[in-house]
Amino acid sequence: MEIINWLQDVREHVRVSVRRRSLRQPGQGFDYTGDEYRNVVRRVVSAIHPRRMRLCVVEIVQQTPTTKTFRCERTDGPLPPFRPGQYVNLFVDVDGVLTSRPYSIASAPGSEILELTVRDNPGGFVAPYLLHEIQVGDELETTGPQGHFYHEPLIDGGDLVFLAGGSGITPFMSIVRDALRHERPLNIHLLYGSRAPDDVIYGDELAELAAKHTNFDYTLIISEPPDGYDGVTGFIDAALIQEQVGAVTGKTFYICGPQVMYDFCRAALDELGAPAHKIRRELYGPPADVTREPGWPEGLAADALFEVDVAGRKTVRAPAGEPLLNTLERYGVVVPAICRSGACSACRVKLLSGKVFQPSHTGLRESDREHGYIHACVSYPLEDLRIRL
């Protein structure tokens, strides 16, 4: 019934749009500011781009010893359309701390199931909770689909190379599944780096898809091979990329994996002469160890503590090596967040005084920089701060 209502809203929106264009002819006019038209548009937009979604976990698949896939159905309406490669931000309450984490959608558009795949993160906060506490039947809350890591046919062309590391395979699963299911005119070569053969996520499915489709090649690269392993080993460096995919001319490269992998692969592509506009990357959260980032102040320990005065709210103590957003959440100060990687600006706050460190990949807009705003998800205190939410 929800789908029928949604289609009726879309049809009404199209009818109103056509009528509006016809009435824009000279000498004619009509008032479309009435609530009856605004409500139609509001319902259509909220159905296509929901701010929040309620999901029920209907199946949990143990992908590897460290990874599970949560297969979910939406309970508050049909799943909205999305682009393969996008993500949702998942909201959780872990021991009284309200926080969130973005997870790429692994399922293809058009399915009634939304797949979120989570890999364990030793010392992490949210991943261990999801892997050990969430059960079939539990409800989750997420944002609607977000992000810009998807194939643009007019810009990216049809010859694609995917470079994935670890759980960075998840957005590529959505793109590959969609492309092959709909027989899109693409040639895809996936280079997937994993530490060990038993920790390869979606390995069996990828091998089966490559065997069935001539336009999809899959190369698994193991960095720590066991004795007797006869597959491709090593790292995704310039020599391996050239050996597997040949010349870079005419190809578009997509990278998804830890920051260290991106830096490594980006240097390899630069060495091979791949144009910068032919290299796409998915942001992968804050760095695992910010003290190793270029530009981090020498001698400043990650556990150094600073006071952060949240204007009109409270004062908290923040470690230098933790994103400011995480610290605020631990103290019960909830800041809107979506990507948690420094790109979307949903978590921006005004820096009234003090200094912060922001990694080089932070997508801070020039206007934000000029007016003193920072992205809390990738900002690290270097001294006492005063901020305004």
Protein backbone atom coordinates (compact mmCIF):
# COMPACT_ATOMS: atom_id res chain seq x y z
CA MET A 1 0.00 0.00 0.00
CA GLU A 2 2.89 2.34 0.79
CA ILE A 3 4.31 1.81 -2.70
CA ILE A 4 0.91 2.53 -4.29
CA ASN A 5 0.58 5.75 -2.30
CA TRP A 6 4.13 6.74 -3.25
CA LEU A 7 3.42 6.15 -6.96
CA GLN A 8 0.22 8.19 -6.70
CA ASP A 9 2.18 11.06 -5.17
CA VAL A 10 4.78 10.90 -7.93
CA ARG A 11 2.06 10.86 -10.59
CA GLU A 12 0.35 13.88 -9.00
CA HIS A 13 3.68 15.72 -8.79
CA VAL A 14 4.27 15.11 -12.50
CA ARG A 15 0.73 16.26 -13.35
CA VAL A 16 1.14 19.45 -11.33
CA SER A 17 4.55 20.12 -12.90
CA VAL A 18 3.14 19.77 -16.42
CA ARG A 19 0.20 22.02 -15.56
CA ARG A 20 2.55 24.61 -14.05
CA ARG A 21 4.69 24.76 -17.19
CA SER A 22 1.62 25.26 -19.37
CA LEU A 23 0.39 28.11 -17.18
CA ARG A 24 3.69 29.93 -17.44
CA GLN A 25 2.78 31.02 -20.95
CA PRO A 26 2.40 34.80 -21.43
CA GLY A 27 -0.84 36.16 -20.04
CA GLN A 28 -1.50 33.20 -17.77
CA GLY A 29 -0.71 32.48 -14.18
CA PHE A 30 -1.60 30.35 -11.21
CA ASP A 31 -0.81 30.35 -7.48
CA TYR A 32 1.12 27.20 -6.55
CA THR A 33 1.96 28.38 -3.05
CA GLY A 34 -1.14 26.76 -1.56
CA ASP A 35 -0.79 23.98 0.98
CA GLU A 36 -2.39 21.40 -1.34
CA TYR A 37 0.54 21.68 -3.75
CA ARG A 38 3.23 22.15 -1.13
CA ASN A 39 2.06 19.01 0.67
CA VAL A 40 2.26 16.95 -2.53
CA VAL A 41 5.81 18.09 -3.17
CA ARG A 42 6.75 17.52 0.47
CA ARG A 43 5.42 13.95 0.41
CA VAL A 44 7.22 13.14 -2.84
CA VAL A 45 10.53 14.57 -1.68
CA SER A 46 10.37 12.82 1.70
CA ALA A 47 9.60 9.52 -0.03
CA ILE A 48 12.50 9.82 -2.48
CA HIS A 49 14.94 11.43 -0.03
CA PRO A 50 13.92 10.41 3.51
CA ARG A 51 15.81 12.09 6.34
CA ARG A 52 15.53 8.96 8.47
CA MET A 53 14.61 5.31 7.91
CA ARG A 54 13.57 2.54 10.30
CA LEU A 55 15.05 -0.84 9.42
CA CYS A 56 14.39 -4.32 10.80
CA VAL A 57 17.19 -6.89 10.68
CA VAL A 58 15.73 -9.96 8.93
CA GLU A 59 18.94 -11.95 8.41
CA ILE A 60 22.55 -11.89 9.58
CA VAL A 61 25.20 -13.52 7.39
CA GLN A 62 28.65 -14.37 8.78
CA GLN A 63 30.82 -13.32 5.86
CA THR A 64 34.21 -13.99 7.49
CA PRO A 65 35.42 -14.57 11.07
CA THR A 66 35.56 -10.77 11.48
CA THR A 67 32.65 -9.61 9.30
CA LYS A 68 28.87 -9.85 9.25
CA THR A 69 26.26 -8.68 6.76
CA PHE A 70 23.01 -7.32 8.19
CA ARG A 71 20.14 -7.77 5.74
CA CYS A 72 17.37 -5.33 6.59
CA GLU A 73 13.85 -4.41 5.52
CA ARG A 74 12.47 -0.91 5.92
CA THR A 75 9.49 -0.75 8.28
CA ASP A 76 8.33 2.86 7.80
CA GLY A 77 7.90 2.83 4.04
CA PRO A 78 9.48 1.41 0.87
CA LEU A 79 13.21 1.69 0.38
CA PRO A 80 13.98 4.89 -1.54
CA PRO A 81 15.89 4.96 -4.82
CA PHE A 82 19.65 5.37 -4.48
CA ARG A 83 22.80 5.28 -6.55
CA PRO A 84 24.96 2.14 -6.29
CA GLY A 85 27.93 3.09 -4.11
CA GLN A 86 26.05 5.36 -1.68
CA TYR A 87 25.89 4.87 2.09
CA VAL A 88 23.59 5.40 5.06
CA ASN A 89 24.56 6.76 8.47
CA LEU A 90 23.53 4.30 11.19
CA PHE A 91 22.47 5.71 14.59
CA VAL A 92 23.14 3.68 17.72
CA ASP A 93 23.02 4.00 21.49
CA VAL A 94 26.06 2.27 22.95
CA ASP A 95 26.04 2.23 26.75
CA GLY A 96 24.13 5.51 26.82
CA VAL A 97 26.29 7.25 24.22
CA LEU A 98 24.30 8.39 21.18
CA THR A 99 26.53 8.16 18.13
CA SER A 100 26.50 7.06 14.51
CA ARG A 101 28.65 5.51 11.81
CA PRO A 102 28.33 5.54 8.00
CA TYR A 103 28.10 2.17 6.24
CA SER A 104 28.05 1.68 2.49
CA ILE A 105 25.02 -0.06 1.01
CA ALA A 106 26.17 -3.39 -0.43
CA SER A 107 22.84 -4.34 -2.03
CA ALA A 108 21.84 -3.05 -5.45
CA PRO A 109 19.02 -0.53 -6.00
CA GLY A 110 15.62 -2.08 -6.64
CA SER A 111 15.89 -4.75 -3.95
CA GLU A 112 13.53 -4.80 -0.97
CA ILE A 113 16.52 -5.69 1.20
CA LEU A 114 19.16 -3.19 2.34
CA GLU A 115 22.53 -4.84 3.03
CA LEU A 116 24.98 -3.31 5.49
CA THR A 117 28.26 -5.14 6.00
CA VAL A 118 30.28 -4.50 9.16
CA ARG A 119 33.84 -5.58 9.85
CA ASP A 120 35.23 -5.79 13.37
CA ASN A 121 37.43 -2.93 14.46
CA PRO A 122 39.61 -3.92 17.41
CA GLY A 123 39.43 -1.12 19.92
CA GLY A 124 36.48 0.36 18.08
CA PHE A 125 33.23 1.54 19.63
CA VAL A 126 30.34 0.88 17.24
CA ALA A 127 31.47 -2.12 15.15
CA PRO A 128 31.94 -4.44 18.18
CA TYR A 129 28.50 -3.42 19.44
CA LEU A 130 26.85 -4.21 16.10
CA LEU A 131 28.67 -7.51 15.68
CA HIS A 132 28.06 -8.81 19.19
CA GLU A 133 24.75 -7.26 20.23
CA ILE A 134 22.49 -6.86 17.18
CA GLN A 135 20.20 -9.84 16.52
CA VAL A 136 17.60 -10.79 13.92
CA GLY A 137 14.42 -8.83 14.68
CA ASP A 138 16.21 -5.80 16.10
CA GLU A 139 15.36 -2.38 14.71
CA LEU A 140 17.92 0.12 13.43
CA GLU A 141 17.63 3.77 12.47
CA THR A 142 19.59 5.33 9.61
CA THR A 143 19.63 8.37 7.40
CA GLY A 144 18.44 8.10 3.83
CA PRO A 145 21.08 7.22 1.21
CA GLN A 146 23.94 9.73 0.98
CA GLY A 147 27.24 10.22 -0.80
CA HIS A 148 28.78 10.79 -4.22
CA PHE A 149 30.88 7.65 -4.74
CA TYR A 150 29.06 6.24 -7.75
CA HIS A 151 29.51 5.84 -11.48
CA GLU A 152 28.68 8.85 -13.64
CA PRO A 153 28.42 7.52 -17.22
CA LEU A 154 29.00 10.83 -19.01
CA ILE A 155 32.09 11.65 -16.94
CA ASP A 156 33.60 8.31 -15.97
CA GLY A 157 33.14 6.38 -19.20
CA GLY A 158 32.69 2.62 -19.38
CA ASP A 159 36.18 1.24 -18.60
CA LEU A 160 36.38 1.07 -14.80
CA VAL A 161 39.00 -0.20 -12.36
CA PHE A 162 38.01 -0.68 -8.73
CA LEU A 163 40.73 -0.75 -6.05
CA ALA A 164 39.33 -2.10 -2.77
CA GLY A 165 40.87 -2.92 0.57
CA GLY A 166 39.20 -4.87 3.40
CA SER A 167 35.65 -3.69 4.08
CA GLY A 168 36.14 -1.09 1.33
CA ILE A 169 34.62 -3.74 -0.95
CA THR A 170 31.07 -2.87 0.15
CA PRO A 171 30.24 0.07 -2.17
CA PHE A 172 31.74 -1.87 -5.09
CA MET A 173 29.39 -4.79 -4.39
CA SER A 174 26.41 -2.51 -4.98
CA ILE A 175 27.91 -1.11 -8.20
CA VAL A 176 28.94 -4.53 -9.55
CA ARG A 177 25.64 -6.20 -8.69
CA ASP A 178 23.66 -3.40 -10.32
CA ALA A 179 25.83 -3.23 -13.45
CA LEU A 180 25.74 -6.97 -14.10
CA ARG A 181 22.07 -7.43 -13.26
CA HIS A 182 21.03 -4.71 -15.70
CA GLU A 183 23.70 -5.58 -18.30
CA ARG A 184 25.06 -2.06 -18.29
CA PRO A 185 27.68 -1.35 -21.00
CA LEU A 186 30.63 -1.36 -18.58
CA ASN A 187 33.92 -3.19 -18.35
CA ILE A 188 34.90 -3.57 -14.70
CA HIS A 189 38.13 -4.90 -13.25
CA LEU A 190 38.16 -5.25 -9.46
CA LEU A 191 41.49 -5.46 -7.64
CA TYR A 192 40.69 -6.49 -4.07
CA GLY A 193 43.40 -6.47 -1.43
CA SER A 194 43.00 -8.54 1.72
CA ARG A 195 45.36 -9.57 4.47
CA ALA A 196 44.46 -13.29 4.43
CA PRO A 197 42.32 -15.60 2.24
CA ASP A 198 39.92 -16.38 5.10
CA ASP A 199 39.12 -12.69 5.60
CA VAL A 200 37.89 -11.95 2.07
CA ILE A 201 34.42 -10.39 2.18
CA TYR A 202 31.99 -11.55 -0.56
CA GLY A 203 34.82 -13.67 -2.02
CA ASP A 204 32.65 -16.55 -3.28
CA GLU A 205 30.07 -14.28 -4.88
CA LEU A 206 32.73 -12.19 -6.61
CA ALA A 207 34.38 -15.30 -8.04
CA GLU A 208 31.03 -16.59 -9.31
CA LEU A 209 30.15 -13.25 -10.93
CA ALA A 210 33.53 -13.09 -12.66
CA ALA A 211 33.05 -16.61 -14.00
CA LYS A 212 29.61 -15.77 -15.43
CA HIS A 213 30.27 -12.32 -16.91
CA THR A 214 32.94 -11.54 -19.48
CA ASN A 215 32.83 -7.82 -18.69
CA PHE A 216 33.77 -8.32 -15.03
CA ASP A 217 37.28 -9.33 -13.95
CA TYR A 218 38.16 -10.05 -10.33
CA THR A 219 41.70 -10.18 -8.97
CA LEU A 220 42.25 -11.03 -5.31
CA ILE A 221 45.56 -9.86 -3.83
CA ILE A 222 46.68 -11.36 -0.51
CA SER A 223 49.27 -9.41 1.47
CA GLU A 224 50.03 -12.11 4.06
CA PRO A 225 49.62 -15.39 2.15
CA PRO A 226 49.76 -18.72 4.00
CA ASP A 227 52.22 -21.40 2.96
CA GLY A 228 51.27 -22.95 -0.37
CA TYR A 229 49.00 -20.10 -1.50
CA ASP A 230 49.23 -19.85 -5.30
CA GLY A 231 47.17 -16.72 -5.99
CA VAL A 232 48.28 -13.13 -6.53
CA THR A 233 50.18 -11.77 -3.52
CA GLY A 234 51.64 -8.45 -2.39
CA PHE A 235 50.17 -4.97 -2.44
CA ILE A 236 48.25 -2.90 -5.00
CA ASP A 237 51.29 -0.99 -6.25
CA ALA A 238 52.08 0.46 -9.67
CA ALA A 239 53.65 -2.74 -10.98
CA LEU A 240 50.67 -4.88 -9.96
CA ILE A 241 48.12 -2.43 -11.36
CA GLN A 242 49.93 -2.28 -14.69
CA GLU A 243 50.29 -6.07 -14.79
CA GLN A 244 46.58 -6.63 -14.14
CA VAL A 245 44.86 -3.83 -16.08
CA GLY A 246 47.47 -2.70 -18.62
CA ALA A 247 47.66 0.93 -19.70
CA VAL A 248 45.73 3.46 -17.63
CA THR A 249 44.64 5.47 -20.67
CA GLY A 250 40.85 5.78 -20.92
CA LYS A 251 40.21 4.11 -17.57
CA THR A 252 38.56 5.57 -14.48
CA PHE A 253 39.89 4.38 -11.13
CA TYR A 254 37.83 4.15 -7.93
CA ILE A 255 39.52 3.64 -4.55
CA CYS A 256 37.87 2.57 -1.32
CA GLY A 257 39.82 1.44 1.72
CA PRO A 258 41.78 2.75 4.70
CA GLN A 259 43.58 6.08 4.34
CA VAL A 260 46.97 4.34 4.17
CA MET A 261 45.73 2.28 1.22
CA TYR A 262 44.42 5.37 -0.56
CA ASP A 263 47.75 7.15 -0.16
CA PHE A 264 49.59 4.07 -1.45
CA CYS A 265 47.30 3.49 -4.44
CA ARG A 266 47.10 7.17 -5.32
CA ALA A 267 50.90 7.35 -5.49
CA ALA A 268 50.89 4.24 -7.71
CA LEU A 269 48.33 5.77 -10.09
CA ASP A 270 50.29 9.02 -10.23
CA GLU A 271 53.38 7.01 -11.13
CA LEU A 272 51.47 5.30 -13.94
CA GLY A 273 50.23 8.63 -15.29
CA ALA A 274 46.54 8.34 -14.46
CA PRO A 275 44.94 11.83 -14.70
CA ALA A 276 43.69 13.21 -11.41
CA HIS A 277 40.16 13.68 -12.78
CA LYS A 278 40.07 9.95 -13.56
CA ILE A 279 40.65 8.95 -9.94
CA ARG A 280 37.64 8.73 -7.60
CA ARG A 281 37.81 7.93 -3.90
CA GLU A 282 35.38 7.12 -1.13
CA LEU A 283 36.11 8.70 2.22
CA TYR A 284 36.78 6.13 4.91
CA GLY A 285 36.29 7.92 8.20
CA PRO A 286 38.90 9.60 10.38
CA PRO A 287 42.46 8.22 10.38
CA ALA A 288 43.15 5.25 12.65
CA ASP A 289 46.09 7.09 14.23
CA VAL A 290 45.97 10.83 13.63
CA THR A 291 49.43 11.33 15.15
CA ARG A 292 50.90 9.70 12.04
CA GLU A 293 49.23 12.16 9.70
CA PRO A 294 51.42 14.70 7.87
CA GLY A 295 51.50 17.97 9.78
CA TRP A 296 50.70 16.55 13.22
CA PRO A 297 52.62 18.59 15.83
CA GLU A 298 55.82 16.87 16.84
CA GLY A 299 55.82 15.72 20.45
CA LEU A 300 52.06 16.04 21.00
CA ALA A 301 50.76 12.78 22.45
CA ALA A 302 47.37 11.39 21.45
CA ASP A 303 46.30 11.20 25.11
CA ALA A 304 47.07 14.86 25.88
CA LEU A 305 43.91 16.44 27.34
CA PHE A 306 42.44 19.86 26.59
CA GLU A 307 39.33 21.66 27.81
CA VAL A 308 36.62 22.37 25.26
CA ASP A 309 34.06 24.97 26.25
CA VAL A 310 30.82 24.38 24.35
CA ALA A 311 29.24 27.84 24.48
CA GLY A 312 26.01 27.82 26.44
CA ARG A 313 26.25 24.08 27.15
CA LYS A 314 29.14 22.62 29.14
CA THR A 315 32.89 22.21 29.29
CA VAL A 316 34.39 18.82 28.40
CA ARG A 317 37.86 17.32 28.44
CA ALA A 318 39.02 16.17 25.00
CA PRO A 319 42.02 14.00 24.12
CA ALA A 320 44.14 15.31 21.28
CA GLY A 321 43.99 12.03 19.37
CA GLU A 322 40.19 11.69 19.28
CA PRO A 323 37.87 13.46 16.82
CA LEU A 324 36.08 16.30 18.55
CA LEU A 325 32.72 14.85 17.46
CA ASN A 326 33.40 11.59 19.31
CA THR A 327 34.35 13.47 22.47
CA LEU A 328 31.20 15.58 22.39
CA GLU A 329 29.04 12.47 21.95
CA ARG A 330 30.67 10.78 24.94
CA TYR A 331 29.65 13.78 27.05
CA GLY A 332 26.08 13.68 25.78
CA VAL A 333 26.44 16.60 23.37
CA VAL A 334 24.75 15.40 20.18
CA VAL A 335 25.94 17.06 16.96
CA PRO A 336 24.25 16.28 13.61
CA ALA A 337 26.49 14.00 11.56
CA ILE A 338 26.26 12.03 8.32
CA CYS A 339 29.55 11.10 6.62
CA ARG A 340 31.89 11.39 9.66
CA SER A 341 34.74 11.75 7.16
CA GLY A 342 35.04 15.52 6.77
CA ALA A 343 33.08 15.89 3.53
CA CYS A 344 29.40 16.62 4.11
CA SER A 345 29.74 19.48 6.66
CA ALA A 346 26.68 18.31 8.65
CA CYS A 347 28.76 18.33 11.86
CA ARG A 348 30.38 21.72 11.39
CA VAL A 349 30.76 23.90 14.46
CA LYS A 350 32.04 27.44 14.96
CA LEU A 351 35.56 27.60 16.40
CA LEU A 352 35.53 30.67 18.64
CA SER A 353 39.03 30.26 20.04
CA GLY A 354 41.89 27.77 20.04
CA LYS A 355 43.49 25.62 17.37
CA VAL A 356 42.59 22.24 15.90
CA PHE A 357 44.34 19.79 13.60
CA GLN A 358 42.48 18.66 10.48
CA PRO A 359 43.90 15.95 8.17
CA SER A 360 44.75 16.98 4.62
CA HIS A 361 41.81 15.08 3.12
CA THR A 362 39.26 17.14 5.10
CA GLY A 363 36.76 18.64 2.66
CA LEU A 364 36.44 21.99 4.40
CA ARG A 365 34.74 24.56 2.24
CA GLU A 366 36.62 27.81 1.69
CA SER A 367 33.64 29.76 3.08
CA ASP A 368 33.73 27.65 6.26
CA ARG A 369 37.46 28.20 6.60
CA GLU A 370 37.04 31.95 6.10
CA HIS A 371 34.32 32.25 8.74
CA GLY A 372 35.93 29.96 11.31
CA TYR A 373 33.91 26.76 10.99
CA ILE A 374 35.41 23.30 11.45
CA HIS A 375 34.16 19.78 10.79
CA ALA A 376 33.95 18.19 14.22
CA CYS A 377 34.28 14.65 12.87
CA VAL A 378 37.87 15.25 11.68
CA SER A 379 39.01 18.04 14.02
CA TYR A 380 41.46 17.30 16.82
CA PRO A 381 42.20 19.76 19.66
CA LEU A 382 45.73 21.11 19.85
CA GLU A 383 44.97 23.38 22.81
CA ASP A 384 42.00 24.51 24.89
CA LEU A 385 39.04 25.38 22.67
CA ARG A 386 35.81 27.34 22.74
CA ILE A 387 33.18 26.31 20.19
CA ARG A 388 29.58 27.11 19.37
CA LEU A 389 27.19 24.51 17.98
